[in-house]
């Protein structure tokens, strides 16, 4: 039974590796510096994800404690203490 479980695990992980490598090969060609730093625009005009990077950096480095306090699970945890 353990052998069957290990075999199924390796097959599942192998399929996931194939899928993720396919996505990575196709997606890496779409990345560019302009896409990473440009702000979003209306549909069909291009644009980028610059706002997402700026807000993530602000949340992680400028206000590091606010990200944990804003999670619903953590607020329920701390309210019961």
N, C-alpha and C. Protein backbone atom coordinates (compact mmCIF):
# COMPACT_ATOMS: atom_id res chain seq x y z
N UNK A 1 0.82 -1.19 0.00
CA UNK A 1 0.00 0.00 0.00
C UNK A 1 0.87 1.26 0.00
N UNK A 2 1.97 1.22 0.74
CA UNK A 2 2.87 2.37 0.77
C UNK A 2 3.50 2.61 -0.60
N UNK A 3 3.81 1.53 -1.30
CA UNK A 3 4.39 1.66 -2.64
C UNK A 3 3.40 2.32 -3.59
N UNK A 4 2.13 1.93 -3.51
CA UNK A 4 1.10 2.52 -4.36
C UNK A 4 0.92 4.01 -4.04
N UNK A 5 0.95 4.35 -2.77
CA UNK A 5 0.83 5.75 -2.37
C UNK A 5 2.01 6.55 -2.88
N UNK A 6 3.21 6.01 -2.77
CA UNK A 6 4.40 6.71 -3.27
C UNK A 6 4.34 6.87 -4.78
N UNK A 7 3.90 5.84 -5.48
CA UNK A 7 3.78 5.92 -6.94
C UNK A 7 2.78 7.00 -7.35
N UNK A 8 1.63 7.04 -6.71
CA UNK A 8 0.63 8.07 -7.00
C UNK A 8 1.16 9.46 -6.69
N UNK A 9 1.91 9.59 -5.62
CA UNK A 9 2.50 10.88 -5.27
C UNK A 9 3.48 11.33 -6.34
N UNK A 10 4.34 10.44 -6.78
CA UNK A 10 5.32 10.80 -7.82
C UNK A 10 4.64 11.15 -9.14
N UNK A 11 3.59 10.45 -9.48
CA UNK A 11 2.85 10.76 -10.71
C UNK A 11 2.20 12.14 -10.61
N UNK A 12 1.57 12.42 -9.47
CA UNK A 12 0.90 13.71 -9.28
C UNK A 12 1.91 14.85 -9.30
N UNK A 13 3.03 14.68 -8.60
CA UNK A 13 4.07 15.72 -8.59
C UNK A 13 4.68 15.89 -9.97
N UNK A 14 4.86 14.80 -10.69
CA UNK A 14 5.39 14.89 -12.06
C UNK A 14 4.47 15.69 -12.96
N UNK A 15 3.16 15.44 -12.87
CA UNK A 15 2.20 16.19 -13.67
C UNK A 15 2.23 17.67 -13.30
N UNK A 16 2.30 17.97 -12.02
CA UNK A 16 2.38 19.37 -11.58
C UNK A 16 3.64 20.05 -12.10
N UNK A 17 4.76 19.35 -12.08
CA UNK A 17 6.01 19.91 -12.60
C UNK A 17 5.89 20.20 -14.09
N UNK A 18 5.27 19.30 -14.84
CA UNK A 18 5.08 19.51 -16.27
C UNK A 18 4.20 20.74 -16.51
N UNK A 19 3.10 20.86 -15.78
CA UNK A 19 2.20 22.00 -15.95
C UNK A 19 2.90 23.31 -15.59
N UNK A 20 3.58 23.34 -14.44
CA UNK A 20 4.25 24.57 -14.01
C UNK A 20 5.39 24.96 -14.94
N UNK A 21 6.12 23.99 -15.47
CA UNK A 21 7.20 24.33 -16.40
C UNK A 21 6.64 24.86 -17.70
N UNK A 22 5.52 24.33 -18.17
CA UNK A 22 4.88 24.85 -19.38
C UNK A 22 4.43 26.30 -19.17
N UNK A 23 3.81 26.57 -18.02
CA UNK A 23 3.37 27.93 -17.72
C UNK A 23 4.56 28.87 -17.61
N UNK A 24 5.62 28.43 -16.97
CA UNK A 24 6.81 29.27 -16.82
C UNK A 24 7.46 29.56 -18.16
N UNK A 25 7.56 28.57 -19.03
CA UNK A 25 8.18 28.80 -20.34
C UNK A 25 7.37 29.78 -21.17
N UNK A 26 6.06 29.68 -21.12
CA UNK A 26 5.20 30.59 -21.88
C UNK A 26 5.13 31.97 -21.24
N UNK A 27 5.18 32.04 -19.92
CA UNK A 27 4.99 33.31 -19.23
C UNK A 27 6.23 34.17 -19.14
N UNK A 28 7.41 33.58 -19.10
CA UNK A 28 8.64 34.36 -18.98
C UNK A 28 8.83 35.28 -20.17
N UNK A 29 8.40 34.85 -21.35
CA UNK A 29 8.55 35.71 -22.53
C UNK A 29 7.67 36.95 -22.45
N UNK A 30 6.60 36.92 -21.66
CA UNK A 30 5.71 38.07 -21.54
C UNK A 30 6.19 39.09 -20.51
N UNK A 31 7.14 38.72 -19.67
CA UNK A 31 7.63 39.65 -18.66
C UNK A 31 8.62 40.64 -19.25
N UNK A 32 8.50 41.87 -18.83
CA UNK A 32 9.45 42.90 -19.21
C UNK A 32 9.51 43.92 -18.08
N UNK A 33 10.53 44.74 -18.09
CA UNK A 33 10.66 45.76 -17.05
C UNK A 33 9.49 46.73 -17.10
N UNK A 34 9.05 47.06 -18.31
CA UNK A 34 7.94 47.99 -18.45
C UNK A 34 6.67 47.41 -17.83
N UNK A 35 6.41 46.13 -18.05
CA UNK A 35 5.24 45.49 -17.46
C UNK A 35 5.31 45.52 -15.94
N UNK A 36 6.50 45.34 -15.38
CA UNK A 36 6.64 45.26 -13.93
C UNK A 36 6.51 46.62 -13.24
N UNK A 37 6.86 47.72 -13.91
CA UNK A 37 6.84 49.02 -13.23
C UNK A 37 5.74 49.95 -13.73
N UNK A 38 5.10 49.63 -14.85
CA UNK A 38 4.06 50.49 -15.40
C UNK A 38 2.76 50.32 -14.62
N UNK A 39 1.97 51.39 -14.58
CA UNK A 39 0.69 51.33 -13.88
C UNK A 39 -0.38 50.73 -14.79
N UNK A 40 -1.46 50.20 -14.21
CA UNK A 40 -2.53 49.61 -15.03
C UNK A 40 -3.21 50.67 -15.90
N UNK A 41 -3.69 50.23 -17.04
CA UNK A 41 -4.44 51.07 -17.98
C UNK A 41 -5.73 50.37 -18.33
N UNK A 42 -6.61 51.07 -19.06
CA UNK A 42 -7.86 50.40 -19.48
C UNK A 42 -7.58 49.16 -20.32
N UNK A 43 -8.57 48.30 -20.41
CA UNK A 43 -8.44 47.04 -21.12
C UNK A 43 -8.05 47.30 -22.58
N UNK A 44 -7.06 46.57 -23.07
CA UNK A 44 -6.64 46.67 -24.45
C UNK A 44 -5.51 47.65 -24.69
N UNK A 45 -5.13 48.43 -23.70
CA UNK A 45 -4.09 49.43 -23.87
C UNK A 45 -2.77 49.02 -23.24
N UNK A 46 -2.64 47.81 -22.80
CA UNK A 46 -1.40 47.40 -22.15
C UNK A 46 -1.43 47.75 -20.68
N UNK A 47 -0.30 48.20 -20.17
CA UNK A 47 -0.23 48.54 -18.76
C UNK A 47 0.56 47.51 -18.00
N UNK A 48 0.65 47.70 -16.71
CA UNK A 48 1.47 46.80 -15.92
C UNK A 48 0.94 46.59 -14.53
N UNK A 49 1.82 46.11 -13.67
CA UNK A 49 1.43 45.79 -12.30
C UNK A 49 2.24 46.59 -11.29
N UNK A 50 2.64 47.79 -11.67
CA UNK A 50 3.46 48.62 -10.79
C UNK A 50 2.79 48.96 -9.48
N UNK A 51 1.50 49.22 -9.49
CA UNK A 51 0.79 49.55 -8.25
C UNK A 51 0.82 48.38 -7.27
N UNK A 52 0.72 47.18 -7.77
CA UNK A 52 0.75 46.01 -6.89
C UNK A 52 2.11 45.89 -6.20
N UNK A 53 3.19 46.13 -6.96
CA UNK A 53 4.52 46.07 -6.35
C UNK A 53 4.70 47.16 -5.31
N UNK A 54 4.25 48.36 -5.64
CA UNK A 54 4.42 49.46 -4.68
C UNK A 54 3.64 49.20 -3.39
N UNK A 55 2.42 48.73 -3.51
CA UNK A 55 1.64 48.49 -2.30
C UNK A 55 2.20 47.32 -1.50
N UNK A 56 2.72 46.29 -2.18
CA UNK A 56 3.32 45.17 -1.46
C UNK A 56 4.58 45.60 -0.73
N UNK A 57 5.40 46.41 -1.39
CA UNK A 57 6.61 46.90 -0.72
C UNK A 57 6.27 47.79 0.46
N UNK A 58 5.26 48.63 0.30
CA UNK A 58 4.85 49.51 1.39
C UNK A 58 4.35 48.68 2.56
N UNK A 59 3.55 47.66 2.25
CA UNK A 59 2.99 46.83 3.32
C UNK A 59 4.07 46.04 4.04
N UNK A 60 5.05 45.52 3.30
CA UNK A 60 6.05 44.66 3.91
C UNK A 60 7.19 45.40 4.58
N UNK A 61 7.59 46.55 4.03
CA UNK A 61 8.78 47.22 4.55
C UNK A 61 8.50 48.50 5.31
N UNK A 62 7.48 49.25 4.93
CA UNK A 62 7.20 50.50 5.62
C UNK A 62 6.28 50.26 6.81
N UNK A 63 5.24 49.43 6.61
CA UNK A 63 4.29 49.10 7.68
C UNK A 63 4.26 47.59 7.89
N UNK A 64 5.32 46.99 8.40
CA UNK A 64 5.37 45.53 8.47
C UNK A 64 4.35 44.91 9.42
N UNK A 65 3.97 45.58 10.47
CA UNK A 65 3.04 44.98 11.43
C UNK A 65 1.59 45.10 11.02
N UNK A 66 1.28 45.99 10.11
CA UNK A 66 -0.11 46.18 9.72
C UNK A 66 -0.64 45.02 8.88
N UNK A 67 0.23 44.33 8.15
CA UNK A 67 -0.23 43.21 7.31
C UNK A 67 -0.75 42.08 8.17
N UNK A 68 -0.12 41.79 9.28
CA UNK A 68 -0.55 40.70 10.14
C UNK A 68 -1.82 41.09 10.89
N UNK A 69 -1.90 42.33 11.34
CA UNK A 69 -3.06 42.78 12.10
C UNK A 69 -4.31 42.90 11.27
N UNK A 70 -4.19 42.98 9.94
CA UNK A 70 -5.37 43.14 9.10
C UNK A 70 -6.00 41.82 8.69
N UNK A 71 -5.35 40.70 8.97
CA UNK A 71 -5.92 39.41 8.62
C UNK A 71 -7.07 39.07 9.55
N UNK A 72 -8.19 38.62 9.01
CA UNK A 72 -9.33 38.30 9.87
C UNK A 72 -9.03 37.23 10.91
N UNK A 73 -8.25 36.21 10.54
CA UNK A 73 -7.96 35.15 11.50
C UNK A 73 -7.13 35.66 12.66
N UNK A 74 -6.18 36.55 12.38
CA UNK A 74 -5.35 37.05 13.47
C UNK A 74 -6.14 37.98 14.39
N UNK A 75 -7.09 38.74 13.82
CA UNK A 75 -7.87 39.62 14.69
C UNK A 75 -8.79 38.82 15.59
N UNK A 76 -9.31 37.70 15.09
CA UNK A 76 -10.14 36.85 15.94
C UNK A 76 -9.27 36.20 17.00
N UNK A 77 -8.07 35.78 16.62
CA UNK A 77 -7.16 35.17 17.60
C UNK A 77 -6.81 36.14 18.72
N UNK A 78 -6.45 37.36 18.36
CA UNK A 78 -6.02 38.32 19.38
C UNK A 78 -7.20 38.84 20.21
N UNK A 79 -8.41 38.83 19.66
CA UNK A 79 -9.55 39.32 20.44
C UNK A 79 -9.98 38.32 21.51
N UNK A 80 -9.58 37.07 21.37
CA UNK A 80 -9.95 36.07 22.37
C UNK A 80 -8.94 36.00 23.50
N UNK A 81 -7.83 36.66 23.40
CA UNK A 81 -6.80 36.62 24.44
C UNK A 81 -7.05 37.63 25.51
